[in-house]
């Protein structure tokens, strides 16, 4: 082989290897929606918010794994013991063990309360009840059999649904 052939071969191998490594790295951040034992293993049975603890509605929980060790967990809680103003803004808990984006906005690692409001917003609060962020939601009128809370994969990450309203969650 001529030296230029060696260079072309080395460049081709290097390009193929880089393409493979990028594909593997992107695939590691692809979300997997959890179900069954995998779901119940990561969802807390109760959640603390604004000085009260409420039981998790296990039938209305959802979780996803990004890669092998990054999780996003959401669940509705029984807020019947909460005051009217807390119930009006707080529907459940939202936990992420790594930074993510929610509706295109950054959200850091943490445990939060959340609520979907009637004005088309997904609102996130710290556990003391202070607002952390708010993102616009989208209505999915084509969704068959909407549930009170669920997650579904989408091309750019996940959709967290409350009935037909959803917000997109992405890995950072």
N, C-alpha and C. Protein backbone atom coordinates (compact mmCIF):
# COMPACT_ATOMS: atom_id res chain seq x y z
N UNK A 1 0.83 -1.19 0.00
CA UNK A 1 0.00 0.00 0.00
C UNK A 1 0.87 1.24 0.00
N UNK A 2 0.39 2.25 -0.67
CA UNK A 2 1.07 3.54 -0.69
C UNK A 2 0.76 4.27 0.61
N UNK A 3 1.63 5.21 1.00
CA UNK A 3 1.37 5.98 2.24
C UNK A 3 0.02 6.68 2.24
N UNK A 4 -0.44 7.18 1.10
CA UNK A 4 -1.74 7.86 1.09
C UNK A 4 -2.88 6.87 1.34
N UNK A 5 -2.71 5.63 0.92
CA UNK A 5 -3.73 4.60 1.19
C UNK A 5 -3.79 4.30 2.68
N UNK A 6 -2.64 4.27 3.33
CA UNK A 6 -2.58 4.04 4.78
C UNK A 6 -3.30 5.16 5.53
N UNK A 7 -3.08 6.38 5.07
CA UNK A 7 -3.71 7.54 5.71
C UNK A 7 -5.22 7.47 5.55
N UNK A 8 -5.68 7.15 4.33
CA UNK A 8 -7.12 7.04 4.09
C UNK A 8 -7.73 5.92 4.93
N UNK A 9 -7.05 4.79 5.02
CA UNK A 9 -7.55 3.66 5.82
C UNK A 9 -7.62 4.05 7.30
N UNK A 10 -6.57 4.69 7.80
CA UNK A 10 -6.56 5.11 9.20
C UNK A 10 -7.67 6.14 9.46
N UNK A 11 -7.86 7.07 8.53
CA UNK A 11 -8.92 8.07 8.70
C UNK A 11 -10.29 7.41 8.67
N UNK A 12 -10.48 6.45 7.80
CA UNK A 12 -11.76 5.74 7.71
C UNK A 12 -12.05 4.96 8.99
N UNK A 13 -11.06 4.29 9.52
CA UNK A 13 -11.23 3.53 10.76
C UNK A 13 -11.52 4.47 11.92
N UNK A 14 -10.80 5.58 11.99
CA UNK A 14 -11.01 6.57 13.05
C UNK A 14 -12.42 7.15 12.98
N UNK A 15 -12.87 7.50 11.79
CA UNK A 15 -14.22 8.04 11.61
C UNK A 15 -15.27 7.01 12.03
N UNK A 16 -15.11 5.77 11.63
CA UNK A 16 -16.06 4.71 12.00
C UNK A 16 -16.10 4.51 13.51
N UNK A 17 -14.93 4.53 14.15
CA UNK A 17 -14.88 4.35 15.60
C UNK A 17 -15.55 5.52 16.31
N UNK A 18 -15.31 6.74 15.87
CA UNK A 18 -15.95 7.91 16.49
C UNK A 18 -17.46 7.87 16.30
N UNK A 19 -17.93 7.49 15.13
CA UNK A 19 -19.36 7.38 14.89
C UNK A 19 -19.98 6.35 15.82
N UNK A 20 -19.32 5.22 15.99
CA UNK A 20 -19.81 4.17 16.89
C UNK A 20 -19.87 4.68 18.33
N UNK A 21 -18.82 5.34 18.80
CA UNK A 21 -18.79 5.84 20.18
C UNK A 21 -19.86 6.89 20.42
N UNK A 22 -20.11 7.77 19.47
CA UNK A 22 -21.16 8.78 19.62
C UNK A 22 -22.53 8.10 19.68
N UNK A 23 -22.74 7.10 18.85
CA UNK A 23 -24.00 6.36 18.85
C UNK A 23 -24.22 5.68 20.19
N UNK A 24 -23.19 5.06 20.74
CA UNK A 24 -23.30 4.40 22.05
C UNK A 24 -23.59 5.43 23.14
N UNK A 25 -22.93 6.58 23.11
CA UNK A 25 -23.16 7.61 24.13
C UNK A 25 -24.58 8.14 24.06
N UNK A 26 -25.12 8.37 22.88
CA UNK A 26 -26.49 8.85 22.74
C UNK A 26 -27.47 7.79 23.20
N UNK A 27 -27.23 6.53 22.88
CA UNK A 27 -28.12 5.44 23.29
C UNK A 27 -28.15 5.28 24.81
N UNK A 28 -27.05 5.59 25.49
CA UNK A 28 -27.02 5.46 26.95
C UNK A 28 -27.95 6.47 27.61
N UNK A 29 -28.21 7.61 26.98
CA UNK A 29 -29.10 8.61 27.55
C UNK A 29 -30.53 8.46 27.08
N UNK A 30 -30.80 7.48 26.22
CA UNK A 30 -32.17 7.25 25.75
C UNK A 30 -33.01 6.76 26.93
N UNK A 31 -34.20 7.31 27.11
CA UNK A 31 -35.01 6.93 28.27
C UNK A 31 -35.68 5.57 28.10
N UNK A 32 -35.85 4.89 29.21
CA UNK A 32 -36.61 3.65 29.29
C UNK A 32 -37.68 3.86 30.34
N UNK A 33 -38.95 3.76 29.96
CA UNK A 33 -40.04 3.90 30.91
C UNK A 33 -40.13 2.61 31.72
N UNK A 34 -40.16 2.74 33.04
CA UNK A 34 -40.17 1.58 33.92
C UNK A 34 -41.58 1.08 34.17
N UNK A 35 -41.68 -0.21 34.43
CA UNK A 35 -42.97 -0.84 34.74
C UNK A 35 -42.74 -1.97 35.73
N UNK A 36 -43.81 -2.44 36.33
CA UNK A 36 -43.74 -3.60 37.22
C UNK A 36 -42.82 -3.40 38.40
N UNK A 37 -42.00 -4.42 38.68
CA UNK A 37 -41.09 -4.38 39.83
C UNK A 37 -40.05 -3.27 39.71
N UNK A 38 -39.61 -2.99 38.49
CA UNK A 38 -38.65 -1.90 38.31
C UNK A 38 -39.24 -0.56 38.75
N UNK A 39 -40.52 -0.36 38.48
CA UNK A 39 -41.19 0.87 38.89
C UNK A 39 -41.37 0.92 40.40
N UNK A 40 -41.91 -0.13 40.99
CA UNK A 40 -42.17 -0.11 42.44
C UNK A 40 -40.88 -0.06 43.25
N UNK A 41 -39.79 -0.49 42.68
CA UNK A 41 -38.50 -0.46 43.37
C UNK A 41 -38.01 0.97 43.58
N UNK A 42 -38.35 1.91 42.69
CA UNK A 42 -37.81 3.27 42.80
C UNK A 42 -38.80 4.30 43.32
N UNK A 43 -40.08 3.98 43.37
CA UNK A 43 -41.10 4.95 43.78
C UNK A 43 -41.27 4.95 45.30
N UNK A 44 -41.17 6.12 45.95
CA UNK A 44 -41.39 6.18 47.39
C UNK A 44 -42.88 5.96 47.73
N UNK A 45 -43.14 5.38 48.88
CA UNK A 45 -44.53 5.10 49.27
C UNK A 45 -45.22 6.32 49.88
N UNK A 46 -44.44 7.26 50.39
CA UNK A 46 -44.99 8.52 50.90
C UNK A 46 -44.08 9.65 50.45
N UNK A 47 -44.61 10.88 50.53
CA UNK A 47 -43.82 12.02 50.12
C UNK A 47 -44.10 13.20 51.05
N UNK A 48 -43.05 13.93 51.39
CA UNK A 48 -43.13 15.09 52.27
C UNK A 48 -43.20 16.36 51.44
N UNK A 49 -44.14 17.27 51.80
CA UNK A 49 -44.26 18.56 51.12
C UNK A 49 -44.90 19.55 52.06
N UNK A 50 -44.31 20.71 52.22
CA UNK A 50 -44.81 21.78 53.08
C UNK A 50 -45.23 21.30 54.47
N UNK A 51 -44.38 20.53 55.10
CA UNK A 51 -44.62 20.13 56.48
C UNK A 51 -45.54 18.95 56.67
N UNK A 52 -46.01 18.34 55.59
CA UNK A 52 -46.90 17.18 55.70
C UNK A 52 -46.38 16.03 54.86
N UNK A 53 -46.76 14.84 55.25
CA UNK A 53 -46.41 13.64 54.50
C UNK A 53 -47.69 13.04 53.94
N UNK A 54 -47.66 12.65 52.67
CA UNK A 54 -48.86 12.10 52.03
C UNK A 54 -48.51 10.77 51.36
N UNK A 55 -49.46 9.83 51.37
CA UNK A 55 -49.20 8.55 50.71
C UNK A 55 -49.23 8.68 49.18
N UNK A 56 -48.36 7.91 48.54
CA UNK A 56 -48.29 7.88 47.08
C UNK A 56 -49.45 7.07 46.52
N UNK A 57 -50.05 7.56 45.45
CA UNK A 57 -51.05 6.78 44.70
C UNK A 57 -50.27 5.90 43.73
N UNK A 58 -49.92 4.69 44.14
CA UNK A 58 -49.04 3.83 43.35
C UNK A 58 -49.58 3.59 41.94
N UNK A 59 -50.89 3.55 41.76
CA UNK A 59 -51.44 3.32 40.42
C UNK A 59 -51.23 4.53 39.52
N UNK A 60 -50.90 5.68 40.11
CA UNK A 60 -50.66 6.91 39.36
C UNK A 60 -49.23 7.39 39.55
N UNK A 61 -48.30 6.48 39.32
CA UNK A 61 -46.87 6.82 39.37
C UNK A 61 -46.24 6.45 38.04
N UNK A 62 -45.12 7.08 37.76
CA UNK A 62 -44.38 6.81 36.54
C UNK A 62 -42.91 7.09 36.80
N UNK A 63 -42.05 6.34 36.13
CA UNK A 63 -40.62 6.56 36.28
C UNK A 63 -39.93 6.15 34.99
N UNK A 64 -38.79 6.76 34.76
CA UNK A 64 -37.98 6.42 33.60
C UNK A 64 -36.52 6.43 34.00
N UNK A 65 -35.76 5.64 33.28
CA UNK A 65 -34.31 5.58 33.51
C UNK A 65 -33.63 6.13 32.25
N UNK A 66 -32.72 7.07 32.45
CA UNK A 66 -31.86 7.57 31.38
C UNK A 66 -30.52 6.88 31.56
N UNK A 67 -30.11 6.05 30.60
CA UNK A 67 -28.88 5.31 30.76
C UNK A 67 -29.07 4.22 31.80
N UNK A 68 -28.02 3.93 32.56
CA UNK A 68 -28.11 2.83 33.52
C UNK A 68 -28.40 3.28 34.95
N UNK A 69 -28.12 4.55 35.28
CA UNK A 69 -28.24 4.95 36.69
C UNK A 69 -28.91 6.30 36.91
N UNK A 70 -29.55 6.87 35.93
CA UNK A 70 -30.20 8.18 36.09
C UNK A 70 -31.71 7.98 36.02
N UNK A 71 -32.43 8.49 37.02
CA UNK A 71 -33.86 8.26 37.10
C UNK A 71 -34.64 9.57 37.19
N UNK A 72 -35.85 9.54 36.65
CA UNK A 72 -36.84 10.59 36.83
C UNK A 72 -38.09 9.87 37.31
N UNK A 73 -38.64 10.32 38.45
CA UNK A 73 -39.78 9.65 39.08
C UNK A 73 -40.86 10.69 39.35
N UNK A 74 -42.10 10.36 39.03
CA UNK A 74 -43.22 11.26 39.31
C UNK A 74 -44.38 10.43 39.82
N UNK A 75 -45.14 11.01 40.73
CA UNK A 75 -46.30 10.30 41.24
C UNK A 75 -47.30 11.25 41.86
N UNK A 76 -48.56 10.88 41.75
CA UNK A 76 -49.60 11.64 42.43
C UNK A 76 -49.67 11.17 43.87
N UNK A 77 -50.07 12.07 44.75
CA UNK A 77 -50.21 11.73 46.16
C UNK A 77 -51.61 12.09 46.63
N UNK A 78 -52.00 11.49 47.74
CA UNK A 78 -53.30 11.80 48.35
C UNK A 78 -53.14 13.09 49.15
N UNK A 79 -53.69 14.18 48.64
CA UNK A 79 -53.55 15.49 49.28
C UNK A 79 -54.78 15.86 50.10
N UNK A 80 -55.59 14.88 50.45
CA UNK A 80 -56.83 15.20 51.18
C UNK A 80 -56.56 15.84 52.53
N UNK A 81 -55.43 15.59 53.16
CA UNK A 81 -55.10 16.20 54.44
C UNK A 81 -54.45 17.56 54.32
N UNK A 82 -54.21 18.01 53.12
CA UNK A 82 -53.54 19.29 52.89
C UNK A 82 -54.56 20.42 52.86
N UNK A 83 -54.09 21.63 53.11
CA UNK A 83 -54.98 22.79 53.05
C UNK A 83 -55.41 23.03 51.60
N UNK A 84 -56.47 23.79 51.41
CA UNK A 84 -57.02 24.06 50.08
C UNK A 84 -56.00 24.74 49.18
N UNK A 85 -55.23 25.70 49.71
CA UNK A 85 -54.26 26.40 48.86
C UNK A 85 -53.12 25.49 48.42
N UNK A 86 -52.72 24.54 49.27
CA UNK A 86 -51.67 23.59 48.88
C UNK A 86 -52.23 22.63 47.83
N UNK A 87 -53.43 22.12 48.04
CA UNK A 87 -54.04 21.19 47.07
C UNK A 87 -54.24 21.84 45.72
N UNK A 88 -54.47 23.15 45.69
CA UNK A 88 -54.71 23.85 44.43
C UNK A 88 -53.46 23.87 43.54
N UNK A 89 -52.27 23.84 44.12
CA UNK A 89 -51.06 23.92 43.32
C UNK A 89 -50.28 22.61 43.27
N UNK A 90 -50.49 21.73 44.21
CA UNK A 90 -49.65 20.55 44.38
C UNK A 90 -50.44 19.27 44.12
N UNK A 91 -50.01 18.51 43.13
CA UNK A 91 -50.65 17.24 42.83
C UNK A 91 -49.79 16.05 43.20
N UNK A 92 -48.49 16.22 43.15
CA UNK A 92 -47.62 15.07 43.40
C UNK A 92 -46.17 15.44 43.56
N UNK A 93 -45.34 14.43 43.48
CA UNK A 93 -43.90 14.62 43.64
C UNK A 93 -43.18 14.35 42.33
N UNK A 94 -42.02 14.97 42.19
CA UNK A 94 -41.19 14.86 41.00
C UNK A 94 -39.76 14.77 41.48
N UNK A 95 -39.09 13.66 41.20
CA UNK A 95 -37.74 13.43 41.69
C UNK A 95 -36.82 13.17 40.49
N UNK A 96 -35.68 13.83 40.48
CA UNK A 96 -34.66 13.55 39.46
C UNK A 96 -33.31 13.48 40.16
N UNK A 97 -32.53 12.44 39.82
CA UNK A 97 -31.23 12.30 40.47
C UNK A 97 -30.09 12.83 39.60
N UNK A 98 -30.46 13.60 38.57
CA UNK A 98 -29.46 14.28 37.74
C UNK A 98 -30.15 15.47 37.08
N UNK A 99 -29.37 16.44 36.63
CA UNK A 99 -29.99 17.59 35.95
C UNK A 99 -30.72 17.15 34.68
N UNK A 100 -31.88 17.76 34.42
CA UNK A 100 -32.69 17.46 33.25
C UNK A 100 -33.26 18.76 32.69
N UNK A 101 -33.97 18.64 31.57
CA UNK A 101 -34.75 19.76 31.08
C UNK A 101 -36.22 19.37 31.15
N UNK A 102 -37.05 20.33 31.49
CA UNK A 102 -38.49 20.13 31.56
C UNK A 102 -39.13 21.26 30.75
N UNK A 103 -39.77 20.88 29.67
CA UNK A 103 -40.36 21.91 28.81
C UNK A 103 -39.32 22.87 28.27
N UNK A 104 -38.10 22.38 28.05
CA UNK A 104 -37.01 23.22 27.54
C UNK A 104 -36.29 24.04 28.59
N UNK A 105 -36.70 23.92 29.85
CA UNK A 105 -36.07 24.68 30.93
C UNK A 105 -35.26 23.73 31.81
N UNK A 106 -34.15 24.24 32.34
CA UNK A 106 -33.27 23.43 33.18
C UNK A 106 -33.88 23.20 34.56
N UNK A 107 -33.73 21.98 35.04
CA UNK A 107 -34.14 21.64 36.40
C UNK A 107 -33.03 20.80 37.01
N UNK A 108 -32.53 21.23 38.16
CA UNK A 108 -31.43 20.53 38.81
C UNK A 108 -31.87 19.29 39.56
N UNK A 109 -30.90 18.54 39.98
CA UNK A 109 -31.12 17.35 40.79
C UNK A 109 -31.92 17.72 42.03
N UNK A 110 -32.93 16.93 42.37
CA UNK A 110 -33.69 17.22 43.58
C UNK A 110 -35.03 16.52 43.64
N UNK A 111 -35.69 16.76 44.75
CA UNK A 111 -37.05 16.25 44.98
C UNK A 111 -37.97 17.46 45.07
N UNK A 112 -39.04 17.42 44.31
CA UNK A 112 -39.92 18.58 44.17
C UNK A 112 -41.38 18.16 44.27
N UNK A 113 -42.23 19.14 44.49
CA UNK A 113 -43.66 18.97 44.31
C UNK A 113 -44.01 19.52 42.94
N UNK A 114 -45.11 19.04 42.35
CA UNK A 114 -45.51 19.57 41.05
C UNK A 114 -47.02 19.63 40.95
N UNK A 115 -47.47 20.40 39.97
CA UNK A 115 -48.88 20.48 39.64
C UNK A 115 -49.07 20.95 38.21
N UNK A 116 -50.06 20.40 37.54
CA UNK A 116 -50.48 20.88 36.22
C UNK A 116 -51.62 21.85 36.47
N UNK A 117 -51.48 23.09 36.02
CA UNK A 117 -52.51 24.10 36.28
C UNK A 117 -53.50 24.19 35.12
N UNK A 118 -54.65 24.77 35.40
CA UNK A 118 -55.70 24.93 34.39
C UNK A 118 -55.29 25.88 33.26
N UNK A 119 -54.28 26.73 33.51
CA UNK A 119 -53.84 27.67 32.47
C UNK A 119 -52.75 27.08 31.57
N UNK A 120 -52.58 25.75 31.59
CA UNK A 120 -51.64 25.09 30.69
C UNK A 120 -50.19 25.15 31.12
N UNK A 121 -49.94 25.09 32.41
CA UNK A 121 -48.57 25.14 32.93
C UNK A 121 -48.26 23.90 33.77
N UNK A 122 -47.00 23.48 33.72
CA UNK A 122 -46.46 22.47 34.61
C UNK A 122 -45.61 23.24 35.61
N UNK A 123 -46.04 23.26 36.87
CA UNK A 123 -45.38 24.06 37.90
C UNK A 123 -44.62 23.15 38.85
N UNK A 124 -43.39 23.55 39.16
CA UNK A 124 -42.52 22.79 40.04
C UNK A 124 -42.21 23.64 41.26
N UNK A 125 -42.29 23.01 42.45
CA UNK A 125 -42.06 23.70 43.72
C UNK A 125 -41.02 22.94 44.53
N UNK A 126 -40.23 23.67 45.33
CA UNK A 126 -39.35 22.96 46.26
C UNK A 126 -40.22 22.36 47.36
N UNK A 127 -39.65 21.54 48.23
CA UNK A 127 -40.49 20.84 49.22
C UNK A 127 -41.04 21.78 50.27
N UNK A 128 -40.58 23.03 50.30
CA UNK A 128 -41.15 24.04 51.18
C UNK A 128 -42.32 24.77 50.54
N UNK A 129 -42.59 24.48 49.26
CA UNK A 129 -43.72 25.10 48.57
C UNK A 129 -43.38 26.32 47.74
N UNK A 130 -42.10 26.70 47.68
CA UNK A 130 -41.71 27.87 46.88
C UNK A 130 -41.56 27.48 45.41
N UNK A 131 -42.01 28.33 44.49
CA UNK A 131 -41.89 28.01 43.06
C UNK A 131 -40.43 27.87 42.63
N UNK A 132 -40.17 26.87 41.81
CA UNK A 132 -38.84 26.63 41.25
C UNK A 132 -38.83 26.94 39.76
N UNK A 133 -39.84 26.47 39.06
CA UNK A 133 -39.95 26.71 37.62
C UNK A 133 -41.36 26.44 37.14
N UNK A 134 -41.65 26.93 35.95
CA UNK A 134 -42.93 26.70 35.31
C UNK A 134 -42.68 26.55 33.82
N UNK A 135 -43.33 25.58 33.20
CA UNK A 135 -43.17 25.34 31.77
C UNK A 135 -44.54 25.13 31.15
N UNK A 136 -44.68 25.57 29.92
CA UNK A 136 -45.92 25.37 29.19
C UNK A 136 -46.16 23.90 28.86
N UNK A 137 -47.41 23.50 28.83
CA UNK A 137 -47.77 22.14 28.46
C UNK A 137 -48.41 22.12 27.08
N UNK A 138 -48.54 20.93 26.55
CA UNK A 138 -49.18 20.72 25.26
C UNK A 138 -50.33 19.74 25.45
N UNK A 139 -51.42 19.95 24.74
CA UNK A 139 -52.56 19.02 24.78
C UNK A 139 -52.37 17.98 23.68
N UNK A 140 -52.60 16.72 24.02
CA UNK A 140 -52.53 15.62 23.07
C UNK A 140 -53.93 15.08 22.87
N UNK A 141 -54.65 15.67 21.93
CA UNK A 141 -56.05 15.26 21.70
C UNK A 141 -56.15 13.89 21.05
N UNK A 142 -55.04 13.38 20.49
CA UNK A 142 -55.06 12.07 19.86
C UNK A 142 -54.80 10.94 20.86
N UNK A 143 -54.44 11.27 22.09
CA UNK A 143 -54.15 10.25 23.09
C UNK A 143 -55.40 9.44 23.41
N UNK A 144 -55.30 8.14 23.25
CA UNK A 144 -56.41 7.26 23.59
C UNK A 144 -56.24 6.83 25.04
N UNK A 145 -57.32 6.82 25.76
CA UNK A 145 -57.34 6.40 27.16
C UNK A 145 -56.33 7.16 28.02
N UNK A 146 -56.50 8.45 28.15
CA UNK A 146 -55.59 9.20 29.03
C UNK A 146 -55.73 8.74 30.47
N UNK A 147 -54.62 8.76 31.19
CA UNK A 147 -54.60 8.38 32.60
C UNK A 147 -54.28 9.60 33.44
N UNK A 148 -54.55 9.54 34.73
CA UNK A 148 -54.24 10.70 35.57
C UNK A 148 -52.76 11.11 35.51
N UNK A 149 -51.86 10.11 35.40
CA UNK A 149 -50.43 10.40 35.29
C UNK A 149 -49.76 9.24 34.58
N UNK A 150 -48.91 9.57 33.61
CA UNK A 150 -48.14 8.53 32.92
C UNK A 150 -46.97 9.16 32.20
N UNK A 151 -45.99 8.31 31.83
CA UNK A 151 -44.85 8.73 31.02
C UNK A 151 -44.85 7.92 29.74
N UNK A 152 -44.41 8.55 28.66
CA UNK A 152 -44.27 7.86 27.38
C UNK A 152 -43.00 8.39 26.69
N UNK A 153 -42.33 7.51 25.96
CA UNK A 153 -41.14 7.92 25.22
C UNK A 153 -41.55 8.85 24.07
N UNK A 154 -40.65 9.73 23.75
CA UNK A 154 -40.82 10.60 22.58
C UNK A 154 -39.45 10.82 21.99
N UNK A 155 -39.38 11.36 20.80
CA UNK A 155 -38.09 11.44 20.09
C UNK A 155 -37.03 12.22 20.86
N UNK A 156 -37.40 13.24 21.59
CA UNK A 156 -36.43 14.05 22.31
C UNK A 156 -36.36 13.74 23.80
N UNK A 157 -36.97 12.67 24.25
CA UNK A 157 -36.93 12.32 25.67
C UNK A 157 -38.19 11.60 26.10
N UNK A 158 -38.90 12.23 27.03
CA UNK A 158 -40.11 11.65 27.61
C UNK A 158 -41.23 12.66 27.59
N UNK A 159 -42.43 12.15 27.63
CA UNK A 159 -43.59 13.00 27.89
C UNK A 159 -44.14 12.59 29.24
N UNK A 160 -44.33 13.57 30.12
CA UNK A 160 -45.01 13.34 31.39
C UNK A 160 -46.41 13.88 31.21
N UNK A 161 -47.38 12.97 31.27
CA UNK A 161 -48.78 13.33 31.04
C UNK A 161 -49.55 13.45 32.35
N UNK A 162 -50.46 14.39 32.39
CA UNK A 162 -51.55 14.45 33.36
C UNK A 162 -52.80 14.53 32.50
N UNK A 163 -53.53 13.43 32.41
CA UNK A 163 -54.65 13.31 31.46
C UNK A 163 -54.10 13.53 30.05
N UNK A 164 -54.56 14.55 29.33
CA UNK A 164 -54.09 14.80 27.96
C UNK A 164 -53.00 15.87 27.87
N UNK A 165 -52.71 16.55 28.96
CA UNK A 165 -51.67 17.57 28.98
C UNK A 165 -50.32 16.92 29.26
N UNK A 166 -49.29 17.37 28.56
CA UNK A 166 -47.96 16.80 28.81
C UNK A 166 -46.89 17.87 28.71
N UNK A 167 -45.75 17.53 29.31
CA UNK A 167 -44.55 18.34 29.25
C UNK A 167 -43.42 17.38 28.86
N UNK A 168 -42.47 17.88 28.06
CA UNK A 168 -41.37 17.03 27.59
C UNK A 168 -40.20 17.13 28.56
N UNK A 169 -39.66 15.96 28.94
CA UNK A 169 -38.52 15.85 29.82
C UNK A 169 -37.35 15.31 29.02
N UNK A 170 -36.20 15.95 29.14
CA UNK A 170 -35.01 15.51 28.41
C UNK A 170 -33.81 15.39 29.32
N UNK A 171 -32.87 14.52 28.94
CA UNK A 171 -31.62 14.38 29.67
C UNK A 171 -30.71 15.55 29.34
N UNK A 172 -29.89 15.89 30.29
CA UNK A 172 -28.91 16.97 30.08
C UNK A 172 -27.54 16.38 29.99
